[in-house]
């Protein structure tokens, strides 16, 4: 009997110890769960830039829209002011900086200039004489402001969506003197080559009429910087020394711009004003940064 009581007592003590250990054991599992929850928390950036879509104002334009328009105007004025300031003063750089930046020069030259007048129209009905000659008339139009440039005898290139990728040649044969009172457009006729008979009456076409302007004093387009108020080129006075010069421009095509005044044939100018201005801006920024550092 004594042995039985001893065993029972030992079992009870063991159970008490086990229960106590379970109660006192640290709750590591709960801490592990809390850590990833904190890691997932991220700032709600979208809320800072979101704009309510349902807001309306009695005046038609909300205050935020008005402010935004005013801000745009201020930014445009500021950008224009920056562009004007950039072209105001001379550019003074070393020959090494000039060469490293790839600054090159060019000269205004007399060049043969061709303009491209874009037109639209419709293929007309060919007469018997035109059929025998292998041509067909195209009723085209000359837009306002270009009427003084379009002259009979000028070459034209015609394309149509019906024959994509194919180009037809033609000659501007007639330009009416009276404008359409409704849209101020001059009607014109282009005689297009059509021996294969691919152009049919009623087809809609697009045409480019080539205008030979003859010899004009020109500079590459990249050498001109448009500030918004004026056109500027940079005259090279000495190695690394450039001065802005305002120019009056005339006609331009994809490569060259006519110069009416401001520079003359033989003047050395920067071939790319953008490259020169970028270099000037970079050097001024570096100088300002060095000044601040020295202080």
Protein backbone atom coordinates (compact mmCIF):
# COMPACT_ATOMS: atom_id res chain seq x y z
CA UNK A 1 0.00 0.00 0.00
CA UNK A 2 2.82 2.35 0.87
CA UNK A 3 4.42 1.70 -2.50
CA UNK A 4 1.15 2.57 -4.29
CA UNK A 5 0.83 5.85 -2.43
CA UNK A 6 4.42 6.77 -3.25
CA UNK A 7 3.88 6.11 -6.95
CA UNK A 8 0.68 8.14 -6.97
CA UNK A 9 2.43 11.04 -5.25
CA UNK A 10 5.27 10.98 -7.79
CA UNK A 11 2.81 11.04 -10.70
CA UNK A 12 0.94 14.00 -9.24
CA UNK A 13 4.17 15.94 -8.78
CA UNK A 14 5.23 15.15 -12.37
CA UNK A 15 1.90 16.40 -13.75
CA UNK A 16 2.20 19.65 -11.73
CA UNK A 17 5.72 20.22 -13.06
CA UNK A 18 4.62 19.67 -16.68
CA UNK A 19 1.67 22.08 -16.36
CA UNK A 20 3.82 24.71 -14.73
CA UNK A 21 6.47 24.48 -17.44
CA UNK A 22 3.82 24.88 -20.15
CA UNK A 23 2.45 28.01 -18.49
CA UNK A 24 5.82 29.62 -17.98
CA UNK A 25 7.25 28.85 -21.49
CA UNK A 26 7.86 32.08 -23.65
CA UNK A 27 5.35 32.62 -26.49
CA UNK A 28 7.81 32.65 -29.41
CA UNK A 29 5.13 31.85 -31.98
CA UNK A 30 3.19 35.04 -31.30
CA UNK A 31 6.33 37.17 -31.81
CA UNK A 32 7.09 35.52 -35.14
CA UNK A 33 3.61 36.36 -36.40
CA UNK A 34 3.92 40.02 -35.43
CA UNK A 35 7.18 40.63 -37.34
CA UNK A 36 5.94 40.02 -40.92
CA UNK A 37 2.85 42.13 -40.26
CA UNK A 38 5.07 45.11 -39.53
CA UNK A 39 7.18 44.41 -42.61
CA UNK A 40 4.14 44.64 -44.91
CA UNK A 41 3.26 48.15 -43.79
CA UNK A 42 4.08 50.63 -46.61
CA UNK A 43 3.35 54.35 -46.97
CA UNK A 44 0.15 55.05 -48.91
CA UNK A 45 1.76 57.20 -51.64
CA UNK A 46 -1.21 56.94 -53.94
CA UNK A 47 -3.38 58.80 -51.45
CA UNK A 48 -1.04 61.81 -51.62
CA UNK A 49 -1.45 62.28 -55.38
CA UNK A 50 -5.00 61.12 -55.94
CA UNK A 51 -7.53 63.76 -57.03
CA UNK A 52 -11.26 63.31 -56.36
CA UNK A 53 -13.06 62.78 -59.66
CA UNK A 54 -16.49 63.78 -58.40
CA UNK A 55 -15.67 67.35 -57.34
CA UNK A 56 -17.43 70.07 -59.31
CA UNK A 57 -17.57 73.83 -58.94
CA UNK A 58 -20.29 76.32 -59.77
CA UNK A 59 -17.98 78.30 -62.01
CA UNK A 60 -17.21 75.37 -64.31
CA UNK A 61 -13.51 75.43 -63.40
CA UNK A 62 -12.50 74.32 -59.94
CA UNK A 63 -9.95 76.25 -57.95
CA UNK A 64 -7.46 73.43 -58.45
CA UNK A 65 -7.87 73.65 -62.25
CA UNK A 66 -7.43 77.42 -62.14
CA UNK A 67 -4.31 77.07 -60.05
CA UNK A 68 -2.95 74.43 -62.40
CA UNK A 69 -3.53 76.66 -65.44
CA UNK A 70 -1.83 79.55 -63.66
CA UNK A 71 1.08 77.27 -62.76
CA UNK A 72 1.41 76.15 -66.39
CA UNK A 73 1.54 79.78 -67.53
CA UNK A 74 4.19 80.59 -64.95
CA UNK A 75 6.26 77.55 -65.99
CA UNK A 76 6.00 78.49 -69.69
CA UNK A 77 7.06 82.06 -68.93
CA UNK A 78 9.93 80.76 -66.81
CA UNK A 79 11.09 78.34 -69.52
CA UNK A 80 10.95 81.09 -72.12
CA UNK A 81 12.92 83.38 -69.81
CA UNK A 82 15.53 80.67 -69.28
CA UNK A 83 15.89 80.18 -73.04
CA UNK A 84 16.30 83.91 -73.57
CA UNK A 85 18.89 84.18 -70.79
CA UNK A 86 20.87 81.28 -72.22
CA UNK A 87 21.24 83.09 -75.56
CA UNK A 88 21.95 86.56 -74.16
CA UNK A 89 25.61 86.39 -73.19
CA UNK A 90 28.69 85.17 -75.03
CA UNK A 91 30.09 81.67 -74.69
CA UNK A 92 33.71 81.53 -73.58
CA UNK A 93 35.24 78.05 -73.43
CA UNK A 94 38.64 76.51 -73.88
CA UNK A 95 39.63 74.74 -77.08
CA UNK A 96 39.87 71.50 -75.11
CA UNK A 97 36.28 71.88 -73.89
CA UNK A 98 35.19 72.80 -77.39
CA UNK A 99 36.79 69.70 -78.87
CA UNK A 100 35.62 67.39 -76.07
CA UNK A 101 32.01 68.50 -76.58
CA UNK A 102 32.30 68.04 -80.34
CA UNK A 103 31.43 71.67 -81.09
CA UNK A 104 31.79 72.25 -84.83
CA UNK A 105 31.24 75.25 -87.05
CA UNK A 106 29.55 75.87 -90.37
CA UNK A 107 29.08 78.88 -92.65
CA UNK A 108 25.98 80.42 -94.27
CA UNK A 109 26.02 79.46 -97.93
CA UNK A 110 23.94 80.07 -101.03
CA UNK A 111 22.07 76.87 -101.76
CA UNK A 112 19.40 75.70 -104.13
CA UNK A 113 16.28 75.46 -102.00
CA UNK A 114 13.24 73.35 -102.75
CA UNK A 115 10.00 73.55 -100.81
CA UNK A 116 7.37 70.84 -100.64
CA UNK A 117 3.77 72.00 -100.87
CA UNK A 118 1.39 69.33 -99.62
CA UNK A 119 -1.95 68.99 -101.34
CA UNK A 120 -4.93 66.67 -101.54
CA UNK A 121 -7.28 66.01 -104.40
CA UNK A 122 -9.27 63.65 -106.56
CA UNK A 123 -8.46 61.90 -109.83
CA UNK A 124 -10.56 63.34 -112.64
CA UNK A 125 -11.85 62.03 -115.97
CA UNK A 126 -9.22 61.89 -118.71
CA UNK A 127 -9.95 63.28 -122.12
CA UNK A 128 -9.19 61.30 -125.27
CA UNK A 129 -6.07 63.36 -125.82
CA UNK A 130 -4.89 62.66 -122.25
CA UNK A 131 -5.59 58.95 -122.63
CA UNK A 132 -3.46 58.87 -125.77
CA UNK A 133 -0.70 60.76 -123.94
CA UNK A 134 -0.88 58.35 -121.00
CA UNK A 135 -1.87 61.01 -118.47
CA UNK A 136 -4.85 61.73 -116.27
CA UNK A 137 -5.91 64.99 -114.57
CA UNK A 138 -5.95 65.38 -110.81
CA UNK A 139 -8.05 68.08 -109.23
CA UNK A 140 -5.84 69.35 -106.40
CA UNK A 141 -5.94 72.36 -104.11
CA UNK A 142 -3.43 75.00 -103.07
CA UNK A 143 -3.86 76.17 -99.50
CA UNK A 144 -3.95 79.76 -98.31
CA UNK A 145 -0.52 81.34 -97.97
CA UNK A 146 1.04 79.07 -100.60
CA UNK A 147 -0.69 80.46 -103.68
CA UNK A 148 2.28 82.69 -104.60
CA UNK A 149 4.58 79.64 -104.61
CA UNK A 150 2.57 77.33 -106.84
CA UNK A 151 3.32 77.82 -110.54
CA UNK A 152 2.46 75.77 -113.63
CA UNK A 153 5.33 73.54 -114.70
CA UNK A 154 6.36 72.47 -111.19
CA UNK A 155 6.92 68.77 -110.61
CA UNK A 156 4.61 66.79 -108.33
CA UNK A 157 4.59 63.41 -106.66
CA UNK A 158 1.27 61.63 -106.13
CA UNK A 159 0.31 58.80 -103.80
CA UNK A 160 -2.99 57.06 -103.12
CA UNK A 161 -4.19 54.65 -100.44
CA UNK A 162 -5.45 52.33 -103.21
CA UNK A 163 -1.88 51.65 -104.37
CA UNK A 164 0.11 51.89 -101.15
CA UNK A 165 3.85 52.24 -101.59
CA UNK A 166 3.60 53.33 -105.22
CA UNK A 167 4.46 56.89 -106.28
CA UNK A 168 3.20 58.59 -109.42
CA UNK A 169 4.84 61.58 -111.08
CA UNK A 170 3.05 64.61 -112.45
CA UNK A 171 3.29 68.23 -113.54
CA UNK A 172 1.29 71.13 -112.14
CA UNK A 173 -0.49 72.29 -115.29
CA UNK A 174 -2.94 74.91 -114.05
CA UNK A 175 -3.59 77.09 -111.01
CA UNK A 176 -6.83 79.04 -110.90
CA UNK A 177 -6.54 82.71 -109.97
CA UNK A 178 -9.78 82.91 -107.97
CA UNK A 179 -9.99 81.42 -104.49
CA UNK A 180 -12.94 79.42 -103.26
CA UNK A 181 -14.87 82.00 -101.14
CA UNK A 182 -15.82 79.35 -98.58
CA UNK A 183 -12.34 78.10 -97.65
CA UNK A 184 -9.90 80.47 -99.47
CA UNK A 185 -8.36 77.56 -101.38
CA UNK A 186 -7.08 77.76 -104.94
CA UNK A 187 -8.02 74.95 -107.25
CA UNK A 188 -5.25 73.43 -109.33
CA UNK A 189 -4.77 70.69 -111.90
CA UNK A 190 -1.94 68.16 -111.94
CA UNK A 191 -1.33 66.07 -115.05
CA UNK A 192 -0.22 62.68 -113.69
CA UNK A 193 1.53 59.92 -115.63
CA UNK A 194 -0.89 57.00 -115.95
CA UNK A 195 0.16 54.73 -118.81
CA UNK A 196 -0.54 51.63 -116.71
CA UNK A 197 -4.05 52.92 -115.97
CA UNK A 198 -3.71 52.45 -112.22
CA UNK A 199 -5.17 55.85 -111.39
CA UNK A 200 -8.94 55.79 -111.77
CA UNK A 201 -11.46 58.65 -111.74
CA UNK A 202 -12.74 59.37 -108.24
CA UNK A 203 -9.67 58.09 -106.40
CA UNK A 204 -8.55 60.33 -103.55
CA UNK A 205 -4.88 61.27 -103.64
CA UNK A 206 -2.21 63.12 -101.75
CA UNK A 207 0.31 65.20 -103.66
CA UNK A 208 3.58 66.98 -103.00
CA UNK A 209 4.38 69.89 -105.31
CA UNK A 210 8.07 70.81 -105.48
CA UNK A 211 8.85 74.53 -105.53
CA UNK A 212 12.30 75.63 -106.67
CA UNK A 213 13.18 78.81 -104.76
CA UNK A 214 16.53 79.17 -106.47
CA UNK A 215 19.70 80.19 -104.67
CA UNK A 216 19.14 81.44 -101.10
CA UNK A 217 21.53 82.18 -98.25
CA UNK A 218 20.95 79.27 -95.87
CA UNK A 219 22.23 77.67 -92.68
CA UNK A 220 21.55 74.18 -91.26
CA UNK A 221 18.41 74.04 -89.13
CA UNK A 222 20.40 72.83 -86.12
CA UNK A 223 22.45 76.02 -86.08
CA UNK A 224 19.39 78.13 -85.22
CA UNK A 225 18.00 78.40 -81.70
CA UNK A 226 14.39 79.56 -81.35
CA UNK A 227 13.85 81.37 -78.03
CA UNK A 228 10.16 81.90 -78.71
CA UNK A 229 10.65 85.59 -79.45
CA UNK A 230 13.57 85.45 -81.84
CA UNK A 231 15.93 83.18 -83.76
CA UNK A 232 19.58 83.14 -82.68
CA UNK A 233 22.82 81.73 -84.07
CA UNK A 234 26.23 81.79 -82.38
CA UNK A 235 29.00 83.55 -84.29
CA UNK A 236 32.49 82.23 -83.68
CA UNK A 237 34.81 85.18 -83.02
CA UNK A 238 37.90 83.19 -81.97
CA UNK A 239 38.73 79.65 -80.80
CA UNK A 240 36.27 78.92 -78.00
CA UNK A 241 34.67 82.39 -78.28
CA UNK A 242 31.06 82.57 -79.48
CA UNK A 243 28.61 85.47 -79.48
CA UNK A 244 24.83 85.25 -80.06
CA UNK A 245 23.46 86.97 -83.16
CA UNK A 246 19.78 87.47 -83.88
CA UNK A 247 18.77 86.46 -87.41
CA UNK A 248 15.72 86.96 -89.58
CA UNK A 249 14.68 83.71 -91.20
CA UNK A 250 12.66 82.95 -94.30
CA UNK A 251 11.67 79.66 -95.88
CA UNK A 252 12.88 76.36 -94.51
CA UNK A 253 12.85 72.72 -95.50
CA UNK A 254 13.89 69.55 -93.67
CA UNK A 255 17.58 70.47 -93.67
CA UNK A 256 18.14 74.19 -94.21
CA UNK A 257 16.64 77.56 -93.29
CA UNK A 258 16.86 80.70 -95.36
CA UNK A 259 18.61 83.64 -93.68
CA UNK A 260 17.30 87.08 -94.66
CA UNK A 261 19.53 89.11 -92.31
CA UNK A 262 21.80 88.82 -89.28
CA UNK A 263 24.74 86.88 -90.73
CA UNK A 264 26.47 86.84 -94.10
CA UNK A 265 28.11 84.30 -96.35
CA UNK A 266 31.41 83.14 -94.93
CA UNK A 267 30.63 83.86 -91.25
CA UNK A 268 31.61 81.03 -88.92
CA UNK A 269 28.71 79.91 -86.72
CA UNK A 270 28.13 76.98 -84.38
CA UNK A 271 26.75 74.06 -86.37
CA UNK A 272 24.60 73.00 -83.41
CA UNK A 273 23.35 75.64 -80.98
CA UNK A 274 21.92 72.91 -78.77
CA UNK A 275 25.33 71.33 -78.18
CA UNK A 276 26.90 74.73 -77.48
CA UNK A 277 24.13 75.81 -75.08
CA UNK A 278 24.23 72.46 -73.28
CA UNK A 279 27.95 72.91 -72.74
CA UNK A 280 27.50 76.51 -71.56
CA UNK A 281 24.77 75.47 -69.11
CA UNK A 282 26.88 72.62 -67.77
CA UNK A 283 29.94 74.82 -67.21
CA UNK A 284 27.88 77.54 -65.50
CA UNK A 285 26.30 74.94 -63.19
CA UNK A 286 29.71 73.51 -62.30
CA UNK A 287 31.08 77.00 -61.60
CA UNK A 288 28.13 77.82 -59.35
CA UNK A 289 28.52 74.53 -57.49
CA UNK A 290 32.24 75.17 -56.95
CA UNK A 291 31.48 78.66 -55.63
CA UNK A 292 29.00 77.30 -53.09
CA UNK A 293 31.45 74.61 -52.02
CA UNK A 294 34.20 77.18 -51.50
CA UNK A 295 31.92 79.23 -49.24
